[in-house]
Amino acid sequence: MMAPEVLIFNRNHRTDDPSRPFCEQGMTETRQVVIGDNVWIGERAILTAGRHIADNTVIAAGSVVTKDFPEGSIIGGNPAKFIRKTFE
């Protein structure tokens, strides 16, 4: 399930050349985002490039997911952190 206004990014602006404005540095390479089965993504959550959202995961509304978490996690916050398991 995916609530409204979820953002999923697969790349970003390059920032490695301090002598050039960011807008002139181009983009990083594309990194696929994979979303598993039985996942619930809350409203306005943001998934950054290269994330793997494991099966049975819940992402709280407004979360910014910058790393991967184990299957069956409830995660939330900015940056997202582990809260608890979905099936305890």
PDB file of N, CA and C in Angstrom:
ATOM      1  N   MET A   1       0.851  -1.173   0.000  1.00  0.00           N
ATOM      2  CA  MET A   1       0.000   0.000   0.000  1.00  0.00           C
ATOM      3  C   MET A   1       0.898   1.237   0.000  1.00  0.00           C
ATOM      4  N   MET A   2       0.438   2.264  -0.698  1.00  0.00           N
ATOM      5  CA  MET A   2       1.207   3.503  -0.747  1.00  0.00           C
ATOM      6  C   MET A   2       0.238   4.676  -0.591  1.00  0.00           C
ATOM      7  N   ALA A   3       0.486   5.485   0.415  1.00  0.00           N
ATOM      8  CA  ALA A   3      -0.345   6.660   0.668  1.00  0.00           C
ATOM      9  C   ALA A   3      -0.010   7.762  -0.346  1.00  0.00           C
ATOM     10  N   PRO A   4      -0.780   8.843  -0.351  1.00  0.00           N
ATOM     11  CA  PRO A   4      -0.508   9.947  -1.269  1.00  0.00           C
ATOM     12  C   PRO A   4       0.832  10.632  -0.988  1.00  0.00           C
ATOM     13  N   GLU A   5       1.371  11.248  -2.032  1.00  0.00           N
ATOM     14  CA  GLU A   5       2.542  12.129  -1.977  1.00  0.00           C
ATOM     15  C   GLU A   5       3.831  11.438  -1.541  1.00  0.00           C
ATOM     16  N   VAL A   6       3.952  10.126  -1.780  1.00  0.00           N
ATOM     17  CA  VAL A   6       5.201   9.418  -1.516  1.00  0.00           C
ATOM     18  C   VAL A   6       6.187   9.781  -2.625  1.00  0.00           C
ATOM     19  N   LEU A   7       7.446  10.043  -2.265  1.00  0.00           N
ATOM     20  CA  LEU A   7       8.490  10.370  -3.241  1.00  0.00           C
ATOM     21  C   LEU A   7       9.521   9.246  -3.266  1.00  0.00           C
ATOM     22  N   ILE A   8       9.829   8.771  -4.472  1.00  0.00           N
ATOM     23  CA  ILE A   8      10.817   7.714  -4.650  1.00  0.00           C
ATOM     24  C   ILE A   8      11.863   8.224  -5.627  1.00  0.00           C
ATOM     25  N   PHE A   9      13.101   8.357  -5.143  1.00  0.00           N
ATOM     26  CA  PHE A   9      14.187   8.885  -5.969  1.00  0.00           C
ATOM     27  C   PHE A   9      15.117   7.760  -6.397  1.00  0.00           C
ATOM     28  N   ASN A  10      15.622   7.847  -7.634  1.00  0.00           N
ATOM     29  CA  ASN A  10      16.573   6.830  -8.085  1.00  0.00           C
ATOM     30  C   ASN A  10      17.942   7.425  -8.422  1.00  0.00           C
ATOM     31  N   ARG A  11      18.119   8.720  -8.220  1.00  0.00           N
ATOM     32  CA  ARG A  11      19.425   9.368  -8.384  1.00  0.00           C
ATOM     33  C   ARG A  11      19.383  10.744  -7.742  1.00  0.00           C
ATOM     34  N   ASN A  12      20.530  11.449  -7.777  1.00  0.00           N
ATOM     35  CA  ASN A  12      20.638  12.742  -7.109  1.00  0.00           C
ATOM     36  C   ASN A  12      21.592  13.625  -7.914  1.00  0.00           C
ATOM     37  N   HIS A  13      21.698  14.891  -7.546  1.00  0.00           N
ATOM     38  CA  HIS A  13      22.683  15.777  -8.169  1.00  0.00           C
ATOM     39  C   HIS A  13      24.074  15.414  -7.666  1.00  0.00           C
ATOM     40  N   ARG A  14      25.063  15.545  -8.521  1.00  0.00           N
ATOM     41  CA  ARG A  14      26.454  15.344  -8.120  1.00  0.00           C
ATOM     42  C   ARG A  14      26.893  16.563  -7.300  1.00  0.00           C
ATOM     43  N   THR A  15      27.815  16.331  -6.371  1.00  0.00           N
ATOM     44  CA  THR A  15      28.291  17.412  -5.493  1.00  0.00           C
ATOM     45  C   THR A  15      29.789  17.299  -5.243  1.00  0.00           C
ATOM     46  N   ASP A  16      30.517  16.611  -6.127  1.00  0.00           N
ATOM     47  CA  ASP A  16      31.919  16.311  -5.846  1.00  0.00           C
ATOM     48  C   ASP A  16      32.915  17.336  -6.376  1.00  0.00           C
ATOM     49  N   ASP A  17      32.481  18.370  -7.100  1.00  0.00           N
ATOM     50  CA  ASP A  17      33.400  19.372  -7.642  1.00  0.00           C
ATOM     51  C   ASP A  17      33.081  20.735  -7.037  1.00  0.00           C
ATOM     52  N   PRO A  18      33.834  21.159  -6.002  1.00  0.00           N
ATOM     53  CA  PRO A  18      33.519  22.422  -5.324  1.00  0.00           C
ATOM     54  C   PRO A  18      33.722  23.663  -6.199  1.00  0.00           C
ATOM     55  N   SER A  19      34.390  23.518  -7.341  1.00  0.00           N
ATOM     56  CA  SER A  19      34.630  24.677  -8.208  1.00  0.00           C
ATOM     57  C   SER A  19      33.461  24.952  -9.151  1.00  0.00           C
ATOM     58  N   ARG A  20      32.461  24.067  -9.187  1.00  0.00           N
ATOM     59  CA  ARG A  20      31.319  24.229 -10.093  1.00  0.00           C
ATOM     60  C   ARG A  20      30.017  24.246  -9.307  1.00  0.00           C
ATOM     61  N   PRO A  21      29.037  25.032  -9.734  1.00  0.00           N
ATOM     62  CA  PRO A  21      27.720  25.002  -9.086  1.00  0.00           C
ATOM     63  C   PRO A  21      27.109  23.601  -9.194  1.00  0.00           C
ATOM     64  N   PHE A  22      26.363  23.209  -8.185  1.00  0.00           N
ATOM     65  CA  PHE A  22      25.736  21.889  -8.185  1.00  0.00           C
ATOM     66  C   PHE A  22      24.910  21.646  -9.446  1.00  0.00           C
ATOM     67  N   CYS A  23      24.183  22.667  -9.903  1.00  0.00           N
ATOM     68  CA  CYS A  23      23.302  22.495 -11.063  1.00  0.00           C
ATOM     69  C   CYS A  23      24.073  22.215 -12.349  1.00  0.00           C
ATOM     70  N   GLU A  24      25.370  22.447 -12.357  1.00  0.00           N
ATOM     71  CA  GLU A  24      26.196  22.190 -13.545  1.00  0.00           C
ATOM     72  C   GLU A  24      26.990  20.889 -13.450  1.00  0.00           C
ATOM     73  N   GLN A  25      26.853  20.162 -12.354  1.00  0.00           N
ATOM     74  CA  GLN A  25      27.663  18.955 -12.154  1.00  0.00           C
ATOM     75  C   GLN A  25      26.997  17.682 -12.660  1.00  0.00           C
ATOM     76  N   GLY A  26      25.764  17.768 -13.106  1.00  0.00           N
ATOM     77  CA  GLY A  26      25.083  16.584 -13.607  1.00  0.00           C
ATOM     78  C   GLY A  26      24.480  15.757 -12.488  1.00  0.00           C
ATOM     79  N   MET A  27      24.144  14.520 -12.856  1.00  0.00           N
ATOM     80  CA  MET A  27      23.445  13.632 -11.930  1.00  0.00           C
ATOM     81  C   MET A  27      24.299  12.408 -11.617  1.00  0.00           C
ATOM     82  N   THR A  28      24.043  11.818 -10.441  1.00  0.00           N
ATOM     83  CA  THR A  28      24.693  10.550 -10.091  1.00  0.00           C
ATOM     84  C   THR A  28      24.085   9.450 -10.957  1.00  0.00           C
ATOM     85  N   GLU A  29      24.714   8.277 -10.954  1.00  0.00           N
ATOM     86  CA  GLU A  29      24.144   7.177 -11.720  1.00  0.00           C
ATOM     87  C   GLU A  29      22.852   6.691 -11.065  1.00  0.00           C
ATOM     88  N   THR A  30      21.980   6.120 -11.869  1.00  0.00           N
ATOM     89  CA  THR A  30      20.693   5.623 -11.393  1.00  0.00           C
ATOM     90  C   THR A  30      20.886   4.407 -10.493  1.00  0.00           C
ATOM     91  N   ARG A  31      20.182   4.415  -9.368  1.00  0.00           N
ATOM     92  CA  ARG A  31      20.200   3.280  -8.429  1.00  0.00           C
ATOM     93  C   ARG A  31      18.753   2.868  -8.174  1.00  0.00           C
ATOM     94  N   GLN A  32      18.417   1.660  -8.530  1.00  0.00           N
ATOM     95  CA  GLN A  32      17.061   1.146  -8.448  1.00  0.00           C
ATOM     96  C   GLN A  32      16.561   1.071  -7.010  1.00  0.00           C
ATOM     97  N   VAL A  33      15.285   1.397  -6.821  1.00  0.00           N
ATOM     98  CA  VAL A  33      14.598   1.214  -5.545  1.00  0.00           C
ATOM     99  C   VAL A  33      13.703  -0.012  -5.700  1.00  0.00           C
ATOM    100  N   VAL A  34      13.824  -0.960  -4.764  1.00  0.00           N
ATOM    101  CA  VAL A  34      13.039  -2.199  -4.803  1.00  0.00           C
ATOM    102  C   VAL A  34      12.107  -2.213  -3.594  1.00  0.00           C
ATOM    103  N   ILE A  35      10.826  -2.446  -3.854  1.00  0.00           N
ATOM    104  CA  ILE A  35       9.831  -2.493  -2.788  1.00  0.00           C
ATOM    105  C   ILE A  35       9.269  -3.914  -2.735  1.00  0.00           C
ATOM    106  N   GLY A  36       9.412  -4.562  -1.582  1.00  0.00           N
ATOM    107  CA  GLY A  36       8.989  -5.944  -1.403  1.00  0.00           C
ATOM    108  C   GLY A  36       7.479  -6.108  -1.308  1.00  0.00           C
ATOM    109  N   ASP A  37       7.066  -7.296  -0.909  1.00  0.00           N
ATOM    110  CA  ASP A  37       5.647  -7.641  -0.766  1.00  0.00           C
ATOM    111  C   ASP A  37       5.126  -7.236   0.609  1.00  0.00           C
ATOM    112  N   ASN A  38       3.841  -6.911   0.649  1.00  0.00           N
ATOM    113  CA  ASN A  38       3.152  -6.563   1.889  1.00  0.00           C
ATOM    114  C   ASN A  38       3.842  -5.397   2.603  1.00  0.00           C
ATOM    115  N   VAL A  39       4.055  -4.318   1.863  1.00  0.00           N
ATOM    116  CA  VAL A  39       4.703  -3.107   2.380  1.00  0.00           C
ATOM    117  C   VAL A  39       3.659  -1.993   2.451  1.00  0.00           C
ATOM    118  N   TRP A  40       3.723  -1.219   3.517  1.00  0.00           N
ATOM    119  CA  TRP A  40       2.829  -0.081   3.703  1.00  0.00           C
ATOM    120  C   TRP A  40       3.711   1.160   3.834  1.00  0.00           C
ATOM    121  N   ILE A  41       3.571   2.096   2.898  1.00  0.00           N
ATOM    122  CA  ILE A  41       4.367   3.322   2.890  1.00  0.00           C
ATOM    123  C   ILE A  41       3.438   4.484   3.201  1.00  0.00           C
ATOM    124  N   GLY A  42       3.719   5.172   4.309  1.00  0.00           N
ATOM    125  CA  GLY A  42       2.864   6.252   4.778  1.00  0.00           C
ATOM    126  C   GLY A  42       2.991   7.518   3.953  1.00  0.00           C
ATOM    127  N   GLU A  43       2.022   8.394   4.121  1.00  0.00           N
ATOM    128  CA  GLU A  43       1.949   9.650   3.371  1.00  0.00           C
ATOM    129  C   GLU A  43       3.218  10.483   3.509  1.00  0.00           C
ATOM    130  N   ARG A  44       3.649  11.031   2.381  1.00  0.00           N
ATOM    131  CA  ARG A  44       4.804  11.925   2.271  1.00  0.00           C
ATOM    132  C   ARG A  44       6.127  11.293   2.701  1.00  0.00           C
ATOM    133  N   ALA A  45       6.195   9.983   2.710  1.00  0.00           N
ATOM    134  CA  ALA A  45       7.482   9.328   2.962  1.00  0.00           C
ATOM    135  C   ALA A  45       8.389   9.567   1.751  1.00  0.00           C
ATOM    136  N   ILE A  46       9.690   9.569   1.995  1.00  0.00           N
ATOM    137  CA  ILE A  46      10.686   9.759   0.943  1.00  0.00           C
ATOM    138  C   ILE A  46      11.636   8.568   0.968  1.00  0.00           C
ATOM    139  N   LEU A  47      11.828   7.929  -0.179  1.00  0.00           N
ATOM    140  CA  LEU A  47      12.775   6.829  -0.319  1.00  0.00           C
ATOM    141  C   LEU A  47      13.921   7.307  -1.192  1.00  0.00           C
ATOM    142  N   THR A  48      15.137   7.231  -0.684  1.00  0.00           N
ATOM    143  CA  THR A  48      16.296   7.681  -1.441  1.00  0.00           C
ATOM    144  C   THR A  48      16.789   6.581  -2.384  1.00  0.00           C
ATOM    145  N   ALA A  49      17.629   6.967  -3.321  1.00  0.00           N
ATOM    146  CA  ALA A  49      18.117   6.055  -4.359  1.00  0.00           C
ATOM    147  C   ALA A  49      18.794   4.823  -3.766  1.00  0.00           C
ATOM    148  N   GLY A  50      18.530   3.669  -4.386  1.00  0.00           N
ATOM    149  CA  GLY A  50      19.196   2.440  -4.009  1.00  0.00           C
ATOM    150  C   GLY A  50      18.591   1.696  -2.840  1.00  0.00           C
ATOM    151  N   ARG A  51      17.470   2.159  -2.318  1.00  0.00           N
ATOM    152  CA  ARG A  51      16.870   1.501  -1.157  1.00  0.00           C
ATOM    153  C   ARG A  51      16.223   0.179  -1.542  1.00  0.00           C
ATOM    154  N   HIS A  52      16.264  -0.776  -0.622  1.00  0.00           N
ATOM    155  CA  HIS A  52      15.525  -2.032  -0.744  1.00  0.00           C
ATOM    156  C   HIS A  52      14.593  -2.101   0.450  1.00  0.00           C
ATOM    157  N   ILE A  53      13.300  -2.001   0.178  1.00  0.00           N
ATOM    158  CA  ILE A  53      12.295  -2.060   1.235  1.00  0.00           C
ATOM    159  C   ILE A  53      11.861  -3.522   1.341  1.00  0.00           C
ATOM    160  N   ALA A  54      12.236  -4.161   2.432  1.00  0.00           N
ATOM    161  CA  ALA A  54      12.012  -5.594   2.619  1.00  0.00           C
ATOM    162  C   ALA A  54      10.532  -5.911   2.818  1.00  0.00           C
ATOM    163  N   ASP A  55      10.164  -7.173   2.594  1.00  0.00           N
ATOM    164  CA  ASP A  55       8.798  -7.644   2.786  1.00  0.00           C
ATOM    165  C   ASP A  55       8.297  -7.320   4.198  1.00  0.00           C
ATOM    166  N   ASN A  56       6.983  -7.101   4.306  1.00  0.00           N
ATOM    167  CA  ASN A  56       6.298  -6.903   5.593  1.00  0.00           C
ATOM    168  C   ASN A  56       6.803  -5.695   6.376  1.00  0.00           C
ATOM    169  N   THR A  57       7.183  -4.651   5.659  1.00  0.00           N
ATOM    170  CA  THR A  57       7.707  -3.431   6.285  1.00  0.00           C
ATOM    171  C   THR A  57       6.642  -2.340   6.292  1.00  0.00           C
ATOM    172  N   VAL A  58       6.610  -1.565   7.366  1.00  0.00           N
ATOM    173  CA  VAL A  58       5.753  -0.386   7.466  1.00  0.00           C
ATOM    174  C   VAL A  58       6.662   0.831   7.593  1.00  0.00           C
ATOM    175  N   ILE A  59       6.422   1.843   6.753  1.00  0.00           N
ATOM    176  CA  ILE A  59       7.175   3.094   6.801  1.00  0.00           C
ATOM    177  C   ILE A  59       6.219   4.187   7.250  1.00  0.00           C
ATOM    178  N   ALA A  60       6.519   4.810   8.377  1.00  0.00           N
ATOM    179  CA  ALA A  60       5.639   5.832   8.945  1.00  0.00           C
ATOM    180  C   ALA A  60       5.561   7.057   8.032  1.00  0.00           C
ATOM    181  N   ALA A  61       4.445   7.754   8.100  1.00  0.00           N
ATOM    182  CA  ALA A  61       4.238   8.971   7.322  1.00  0.00           C
ATOM    183  C   ALA A  61       5.354   9.978   7.604  1.00  0.00           C
ATOM    184  N   GLY A  62       5.814  10.634   6.564  1.00  0.00           N
ATOM    185  CA  GLY A  62       6.830  11.672   6.703  1.00  0.00           C
ATOM    186  C   GLY A  62       8.244  11.173   6.894  1.00  0.00           C
ATOM    187  N   SER A  63       8.464   9.887   6.832  1.00  0.00           N
ATOM    188  CA  SER A  63       9.808   9.329   7.041  1.00  0.00           C
ATOM    189  C   SER A  63      10.712   9.587   5.832  1.00  0.00           C
ATOM    190  N   VAL A  64      12.009   9.696   6.104  1.00  0.00           N
ATOM    191  CA  VAL A  64      13.012   9.804   5.054  1.00  0.00           C
ATOM    192  C   VAL A  64      13.904   8.568   5.173  1.00  0.00           C
ATOM    193  N   VAL A  65      13.744   7.644   4.228  1.00  0.00           N
ATOM    194  CA  VAL A  65      14.435   6.355   4.284  1.00  0.00           C
ATOM    195  C   VAL A  65      15.761   6.469   3.531  1.00  0.00           C
ATOM    196  N   THR A  66      16.872   6.443   4.290  1.00  0.00           N
ATOM    197  CA  THR A  66      18.204   6.618   3.717  1.00  0.00           C
ATOM    198  C   THR A  66      19.062   5.364   3.813  1.00  0.00           C
ATOM    199  N   LYS A  67      18.513   4.297   4.413  1.00  0.00           N
ATOM    200  CA  LYS A  67      19.237   3.031   4.505  1.00  0.00           C
ATOM    201  C   LYS A  67      18.226   1.898   4.508  1.00  0.00           C
ATOM    202  N   ASP A  68      18.709   0.666   4.396  1.00  0.00           N
ATOM    203  CA  ASP A  68      17.843  -0.506   4.360  1.00  0.00           C
ATOM    204  C   ASP A  68      17.638  -1.075   5.765  1.00  0.00           C
ATOM    205  N   PHE A  69      16.499  -1.737   5.961  1.00  0.00           N
ATOM    206  CA  PHE A  69      16.147  -2.332   7.240  1.00  0.00           C
ATOM    207  C   PHE A  69      15.742  -3.786   7.019  1.00  0.00           C
ATOM    208  N   PRO A  70      15.795  -4.620   8.070  1.00  0.00           N
ATOM    209  CA  PRO A  70      15.429  -6.029   7.924  1.00  0.00           C
ATOM    210  C   PRO A  70      13.935  -6.214   7.630  1.00  0.00           C
ATOM    211  N   GLU A  71      13.619  -7.372   7.088  1.00  0.00           N
ATOM    212  CA  GLU A  71      12.228  -7.734   6.819  1.00  0.00           C
ATOM    213  C   GLU A  71      11.408  -7.637   8.101  1.00  0.00           C
ATOM    214  N   GLY A  72      10.159  -7.159   7.955  1.00  0.00           N
ATOM    215  CA  GLY A  72       9.251  -7.096   9.090  1.00  0.00           C
ATOM    216  C   GLY A  72       9.508  -5.947  10.042  1.00  0.00           C
ATOM    217  N   SER A  73      10.075  -4.856   9.538  1.00  0.00           N
ATOM    218  CA  SER A  73      10.375  -3.695  10.389  1.00  0.00           C
ATOM    219  C   SER A  73       9.295  -2.630  10.278  1.00  0.00           C
ATOM    220  N   ILE A  74       9.054  -1.946  11.377  1.00  0.00           N
ATOM    221  CA  ILE A  74       8.318  -0.687  11.357  1.00  0.00           C
ATOM    222  C   ILE A  74       9.371   0.387  11.551  1.00  0.00           C
ATOM    223  N   ILE A  75       9.429   1.327  10.607  1.00  0.00           N
ATOM    224  CA  ILE A  75      10.460   2.363  10.650  1.00  0.00           C
ATOM    225  C   ILE A  75       9.807   3.736  10.538  1.00  0.00           C
ATOM    226  N   GLY A  76      10.479   4.751  11.067  1.00  0.00           N
ATOM    227  CA  GLY A  76       9.946   6.096  10.983  1.00  0.00           C
ATOM    228  C   GLY A  76      10.963   7.127  11.401  1.00  0.00           C
ATOM    229  N   GLY A  77      10.725   8.366  10.982  1.00  0.00           N
ATOM    230  CA  GLY A  77      11.565   9.485  11.373  1.00  0.00           C
ATOM    231  C   GLY A  77      12.372  10.043  10.220  1.00  0.00           C
ATOM    232  N   ASN A  78      13.183  11.058  10.547  1.00  0.00           N
ATOM    233  CA  ASN A  78      14.040  11.717   9.567  1.00  0.00           C
ATOM    234  C   ASN A  78      15.415  11.939  10.196  1.00  0.00           C
ATOM    235  N   PRO A  79      16.372  11.071   9.853  1.00  0.00           N
ATOM    236  CA  PRO A  79      16.260   9.904   8.968  1.00  0.00           C
ATOM    237  C   PRO A  79      15.515   8.771   9.668  1.00  0.00           C
ATOM    238  N   ALA A  80      14.961   7.865   8.857  1.00  0.00           N
ATOM    239  CA  ALA A  80      14.178   6.754   9.400  1.00  0.00           C
ATOM    240  C   ALA A  80      15.037   5.860  10.288  1.00  0.00           C
ATOM    241  N   LYS A  81      14.428   5.429  11.391  1.00  0.00           N
ATOM    242  CA  LYS A  81      15.078   4.521  12.333  1.00  0.00           C
ATOM    243  C   LYS A  81      14.135   3.354  12.621  1.00  0.00           C
ATOM    244  N   PHE A  82      14.705   2.245  13.054  1.00  0.00           N
ATOM    245  CA  PHE A  82      13.916   1.083  13.430  1.00  0.00           C
ATOM    246  C   PHE A  82      13.088   1.415  14.669  1.00  0.00           C
ATOM    247  N   ILE A  83      11.783   1.080  14.630  1.00  0.00           N
ATOM    248  CA  ILE A  83      10.905   1.303  15.780  1.00  0.00           C
ATOM    249  C   ILE A  83      10.626  -0.027  16.479  1.00  0.00           C
ATOM    250  N   ARG A  84      10.141  -1.001  15.719  1.00  0.00           N
ATOM    251  CA  ARG A  84       9.887  -2.337  16.253  1.00  0.00           C
ATOM    252  C   ARG A  84       9.587  -3.281  15.103  1.00  0.00           C
ATOM    253  N   LYS A  85       9.445  -4.555  15.389  1.00  0.00           N
ATOM    254  CA  LYS A  85       9.059  -5.543  14.389  1.00  0.00           C
ATOM    255  C   LYS A  85       7.553  -5.451  14.131  1.00  0.00           C
ATOM    256  N   THR A  86       7.130  -5.816  12.927  1.00  0.00           N
ATOM    257  CA  THR A  86       5.701  -5.773  12.608  1.00  0.00           C
ATOM    258  C   THR A  86       4.929  -6.883  13.293  1.00  0.00           C
ATOM    259  N   PHE A  87       5.553  -8.051  13.454  1.00  0.00           N
ATOM    260  CA  PHE A  87       4.858  -9.210  14.032  1.00  0.00           C
ATOM    261  C   PHE A  87       5.602  -9.666  15.274  1.00  0.00           C
ATOM    262  N   GLU A  88       5.224  -9.129  16.423  1.00  0.00           N
ATOM    263  CA  GLU A  88       5.872  -9.529  17.669  1.00  0.00           C
ATOM    264  C   GLU A  88       4.932 -10.345  18.511  1.00  0.00           C
TER     265      GLU A  88
END
